[in-house]
Amino acid sequence: MTTTRDLIQRMAEELDTWLMAHHYGGVPPEIQHAATLVAEAHAYLDQPEPEGPTFMEIIALADEIEAEELGQVDLVRRGLARWGRPAVKLEEV
């Protein structure tokens, strides 16, 4: 199964190769737009993979939820708030 990251990598490489082969003379807007997309893809790929929670962090979160007498929905919401986002915010190119 291809991951999203692998797919972005392959598409960026193909588009980059195409741009190199077809870049001559001035730069038409379509080519500039494609080059911008390649740069954005490479910037995304340069970001570190998000780190998941450790076993102990999950247990601590479950203890918090139990202590506050909250339900499973709250557990999932807090878990996503803490670990459901990339480790580094993608910066614009």
N, C-alpha and C. Protein backbone atom coordinates (compact mmCIF):
# COMPACT_ATOMS: atom_id res chain seq x y z
N MET A 1 0.85 -1.19 0.00
CA MET A 1 0.00 0.00 0.00
C MET A 1 0.89 1.25 0.00
N THR A 2 0.61 2.14 -0.89
CA THR A 2 1.36 3.38 -0.98
C THR A 2 0.86 4.36 0.08
N THR A 3 1.80 4.96 0.81
CA THR A 3 1.42 5.97 1.79
C THR A 3 1.28 7.32 1.10
N THR A 4 0.61 8.23 1.77
CA THR A 4 0.46 9.58 1.22
C THR A 4 1.82 10.21 0.99
N ARG A 5 2.72 10.02 1.93
CA ARG A 5 4.06 10.58 1.83
C ARG A 5 4.80 10.02 0.61
N ASP A 6 4.69 8.70 0.39
CA ASP A 6 5.32 8.08 -0.78
C ASP A 6 4.74 8.62 -2.08
N LEU A 7 3.43 8.77 -2.09
CA LEU A 7 2.77 9.29 -3.29
C LEU A 7 3.22 10.72 -3.60
N ILE A 8 3.29 11.56 -2.58
CA ILE A 8 3.76 12.93 -2.78
C ILE A 8 5.19 12.93 -3.30
N GLN A 9 6.03 12.06 -2.73
CA GLN A 9 7.43 11.96 -3.16
C GLN A 9 7.51 11.59 -4.64
N ARG A 10 6.76 10.56 -5.04
CA ARG A 10 6.81 10.12 -6.43
C ARG A 10 6.29 11.19 -7.38
N MET A 11 5.17 11.83 -7.01
CA MET A 11 4.61 12.87 -7.87
C MET A 11 5.55 14.06 -7.99
N ALA A 12 6.17 14.45 -6.89
CA ALA A 12 7.10 15.58 -6.91
C ALA A 12 8.30 15.26 -7.80
N GLU A 13 8.82 14.04 -7.70
CA GLU A 13 9.96 13.65 -8.52
C GLU A 13 9.60 13.65 -10.01
N GLU A 14 8.43 13.10 -10.34
CA GLU A 14 8.00 13.07 -11.75
C GLU A 14 7.80 14.48 -12.30
N LEU A 15 7.14 15.32 -11.52
CA LEU A 15 6.90 16.69 -11.97
C LEU A 15 8.20 17.46 -12.07
N ASP A 16 9.10 17.24 -11.13
CA ASP A 16 10.41 17.89 -11.16
C ASP A 16 11.17 17.48 -12.42
N THR A 17 11.15 16.19 -12.74
CA THR A 17 11.82 15.69 -13.96
C THR A 17 11.20 16.31 -15.20
N TRP A 18 9.87 16.37 -15.23
CA TRP A 18 9.19 16.97 -16.38
C TRP A 18 9.56 18.44 -16.52
N LEU A 19 9.59 19.15 -15.40
CA LEU A 19 9.94 20.58 -15.45
C LEU A 19 11.35 20.79 -15.99
N MET A 20 12.29 19.94 -15.55
CA MET A 20 13.67 20.06 -16.03
C MET A 20 13.76 19.80 -17.54
N ALA A 21 12.98 18.86 -18.03
CA ALA A 21 13.02 18.50 -19.45
C ALA A 21 12.34 19.55 -20.32
N HIS A 22 11.38 20.28 -19.77
CA HIS A 22 10.60 21.21 -20.58
C HIS A 22 10.87 22.68 -20.26
N HIS A 23 11.85 22.96 -19.45
CA HIS A 23 12.15 24.34 -19.10
C HIS A 23 13.15 24.92 -20.09
N TYR A 24 12.66 25.75 -20.96
CA TYR A 24 13.53 26.43 -21.92
C TYR A 24 12.95 27.80 -22.21
N GLY A 25 13.81 28.74 -22.39
CA GLY A 25 13.36 30.10 -22.64
C GLY A 25 12.69 30.71 -21.42
N GLY A 26 11.64 31.48 -21.66
CA GLY A 26 10.89 32.10 -20.57
C GLY A 26 10.11 31.07 -19.78
N VAL A 27 9.59 31.50 -18.66
CA VAL A 27 8.83 30.60 -17.80
C VAL A 27 7.35 30.97 -17.87
N PRO A 28 6.55 30.15 -18.59
CA PRO A 28 5.12 30.43 -18.65
C PRO A 28 4.47 30.24 -17.28
N PRO A 29 3.33 30.86 -17.06
CA PRO A 29 2.67 30.76 -15.75
C PRO A 29 2.39 29.31 -15.32
N GLU A 30 2.03 28.42 -16.27
CA GLU A 30 1.75 27.03 -15.92
C GLU A 30 2.99 26.35 -15.35
N ILE A 31 4.14 26.64 -15.96
CA ILE A 31 5.39 26.04 -15.50
C ILE A 31 5.75 26.61 -14.12
N GLN A 32 5.57 27.90 -13.93
CA GLN A 32 5.87 28.52 -12.65
C GLN A 32 4.98 27.93 -11.56
N HIS A 33 3.71 27.72 -11.88
CA HIS A 33 2.78 27.13 -10.91
C HIS A 33 3.20 25.70 -10.56
N ALA A 34 3.58 24.94 -11.57
CA ALA A 34 4.03 23.57 -11.33
C ALA A 34 5.29 23.56 -10.47
N ALA A 35 6.21 24.48 -10.74
CA ALA A 35 7.45 24.57 -9.95
C ALA A 35 7.13 24.92 -8.50
N THR A 36 6.15 25.76 -8.29
CA THR A 36 5.74 26.12 -6.93
C THR A 36 5.17 24.90 -6.20
N LEU A 37 4.36 24.11 -6.92
CA LEU A 37 3.80 22.90 -6.32
C LEU A 37 4.89 21.90 -5.94
N VAL A 38 5.90 21.78 -6.80
CA VAL A 38 7.02 20.88 -6.49
C VAL A 38 7.75 21.38 -5.24
N ALA A 39 7.97 22.68 -5.16
CA ALA A 39 8.65 23.24 -3.99
C ALA A 39 7.83 22.99 -2.71
N GLU A 40 6.51 23.14 -2.80
CA GLU A 40 5.65 22.87 -1.64
C GLU A 40 5.71 21.40 -1.24
N ALA A 41 5.71 20.51 -2.23
CA ALA A 41 5.79 19.07 -1.94
C ALA A 41 7.11 18.74 -1.26
N HIS A 42 8.20 19.30 -1.76
CA HIS A 42 9.50 19.04 -1.14
C HIS A 42 9.57 19.62 0.28
N ALA A 43 8.95 20.77 0.50
CA ALA A 43 8.92 21.36 1.84
C ALA A 43 8.14 20.45 2.79
N TYR A 44 7.03 19.89 2.31
CA TYR A 44 6.26 18.96 3.13
C TYR A 44 7.09 17.73 3.47
N LEU A 45 7.77 17.19 2.47
CA LEU A 45 8.56 15.98 2.68
C LEU A 45 9.76 16.22 3.58
N ASP A 46 10.25 17.45 3.65
CA ASP A 46 11.38 17.77 4.51
C ASP A 46 11.00 17.83 5.99
N GLN A 47 9.70 17.90 6.29
CA GLN A 47 9.24 17.96 7.67
C GLN A 47 9.42 16.58 8.32
N PRO A 48 9.77 16.54 9.60
CA PRO A 48 9.90 15.24 10.26
C PRO A 48 8.54 14.57 10.41
N GLU A 49 8.57 13.24 10.46
CA GLU A 49 7.35 12.49 10.70
C GLU A 49 6.84 12.83 12.10
N PRO A 50 5.53 12.96 12.25
CA PRO A 50 5.00 13.21 13.59
C PRO A 50 5.31 12.04 14.52
N GLU A 51 5.60 12.37 15.76
CA GLU A 51 5.88 11.32 16.74
C GLU A 51 4.60 11.00 17.50
N GLY A 52 4.32 9.72 17.60
CA GLY A 52 3.15 9.29 18.34
C GLY A 52 3.43 9.31 19.83
N PRO A 53 2.39 9.16 20.61
CA PRO A 53 2.56 9.16 22.06
C PRO A 53 3.22 7.88 22.55
N THR A 54 3.89 7.98 23.67
CA THR A 54 4.46 6.80 24.30
C THR A 54 3.34 6.08 25.06
N PHE A 55 3.61 4.86 25.44
CA PHE A 55 2.65 4.09 26.23
C PHE A 55 2.30 4.84 27.51
N MET A 56 3.31 5.38 28.16
CA MET A 56 3.09 6.08 29.43
C MET A 56 2.26 7.35 29.23
N GLU A 57 2.44 8.04 28.11
CA GLU A 57 1.63 9.24 27.84
C GLU A 57 0.16 8.87 27.63
N ILE A 58 -0.08 7.74 26.98
CA ILE A 58 -1.46 7.29 26.78
C ILE A 58 -2.11 6.93 28.12
N ILE A 59 -1.36 6.23 28.96
CA ILE A 59 -1.87 5.87 30.28
C ILE A 59 -2.16 7.12 31.10
N ALA A 60 -1.27 8.11 31.05
CA ALA A 60 -1.47 9.36 31.79
C ALA A 60 -2.73 10.07 31.30
N LEU A 61 -2.95 10.08 30.00
CA LEU A 61 -4.16 10.70 29.46
C LEU A 61 -5.41 9.95 29.92
N ALA A 62 -5.37 8.63 29.89
CA ALA A 62 -6.50 7.83 30.34
C ALA A 62 -6.79 8.11 31.82
N ASP A 63 -5.73 8.25 32.62
CA ASP A 63 -5.90 8.57 34.05
C ASP A 63 -6.56 9.94 34.23
N GLU A 64 -6.15 10.90 33.41
CA GLU A 64 -6.76 12.25 33.48
C GLU A 64 -8.25 12.17 33.19
N ILE A 65 -8.58 11.45 32.15
CA ILE A 65 -9.99 11.35 31.74
C ILE A 65 -10.80 10.66 32.85
N GLU A 66 -10.23 9.60 33.42
CA GLU A 66 -10.92 8.88 34.49
C GLU A 66 -11.08 9.76 35.72
N ALA A 67 -10.05 10.51 36.08
CA ALA A 67 -10.10 11.38 37.26
C ALA A 67 -11.15 12.47 37.09
N GLU A 68 -11.31 12.95 35.86
CA GLU A 68 -12.30 14.00 35.60
C GLU A 68 -13.67 13.42 35.26
N GLU A 69 -13.77 12.10 35.30
CA GLU A 69 -15.01 11.40 35.01
C GLU A 69 -15.60 11.80 33.66
N LEU A 70 -14.73 11.82 32.66
CA LEU A 70 -15.16 12.13 31.31
C LEU A 70 -15.29 10.83 30.51
N GLY A 71 -15.86 10.91 29.33
CA GLY A 71 -16.12 9.72 28.53
C GLY A 71 -15.11 9.50 27.42
N GLN A 72 -15.41 8.50 26.61
CA GLN A 72 -14.52 8.12 25.52
C GLN A 72 -14.35 9.22 24.48
N VAL A 73 -15.42 9.95 24.22
CA VAL A 73 -15.34 11.03 23.24
C VAL A 73 -14.32 12.07 23.70
N ASP A 74 -14.33 12.39 24.97
CA ASP A 74 -13.37 13.35 25.51
C ASP A 74 -11.94 12.81 25.43
N LEU A 75 -11.82 11.51 25.66
CA LEU A 75 -10.51 10.87 25.55
C LEU A 75 -9.96 11.02 24.13
N VAL A 76 -10.79 10.73 23.16
CA VAL A 76 -10.37 10.83 21.76
C VAL A 76 -10.05 12.28 21.40
N ARG A 77 -10.90 13.21 21.82
CA ARG A 77 -10.66 14.63 21.52
C ARG A 77 -9.33 15.11 22.11
N ARG A 78 -9.07 14.75 23.35
CA ARG A 78 -7.80 15.18 23.97
C ARG A 78 -6.61 14.51 23.30
N GLY A 79 -6.76 13.25 22.97
CA GLY A 79 -5.68 12.54 22.29
C GLY A 79 -5.35 13.18 20.95
N LEU A 80 -6.39 13.50 20.18
CA LEU A 80 -6.15 14.16 18.89
C LEU A 80 -5.57 15.56 19.07
N ALA A 81 -6.03 16.27 20.09
CA ALA A 81 -5.49 17.61 20.35
C ALA A 81 -4.00 17.54 20.67
N ARG A 82 -3.59 16.50 21.39
CA ARG A 82 -2.18 16.38 21.77
C ARG A 82 -1.31 15.77 20.70
N TRP A 83 -1.80 14.72 20.03
CA TRP A 83 -0.92 13.94 19.15
C TRP A 83 -1.43 13.83 17.73
N GLY A 84 -2.56 14.42 17.42
CA GLY A 84 -3.13 14.26 16.09
C GLY A 84 -2.66 15.28 15.06
N ARG A 85 -1.66 16.04 15.41
CA ARG A 85 -1.14 17.08 14.51
C ARG A 85 0.32 16.78 14.18
N PRO A 86 0.81 17.25 13.02
CA PRO A 86 2.23 17.05 12.71
C PRO A 86 3.13 17.69 13.77
N ALA A 87 4.33 17.14 13.92
CA ALA A 87 5.28 17.63 14.90
C ALA A 87 5.70 19.06 14.60
N VAL A 88 5.79 19.39 13.32
CA VAL A 88 6.23 20.71 12.89
C VAL A 88 5.20 21.28 11.93
N LYS A 89 4.83 22.52 12.13
CA LYS A 89 3.88 23.16 11.24
C LYS A 89 4.56 23.43 9.90
N LEU A 90 3.88 23.06 8.82
CA LEU A 90 4.43 23.26 7.49
C LEU A 90 4.48 24.74 7.18
N GLU A 91 5.65 25.21 6.81
CA GLU A 91 5.81 26.62 6.49
C GLU A 91 5.53 26.83 5.02
N GLU A 92 4.98 27.98 4.69
CA GLU A 92 4.68 28.29 3.29
C GLU A 92 5.99 28.53 2.54
N VAL A 93 5.97 28.14 1.28
CA VAL A 93 7.15 28.29 0.42
C VAL A 93 7.06 29.59 -0.31
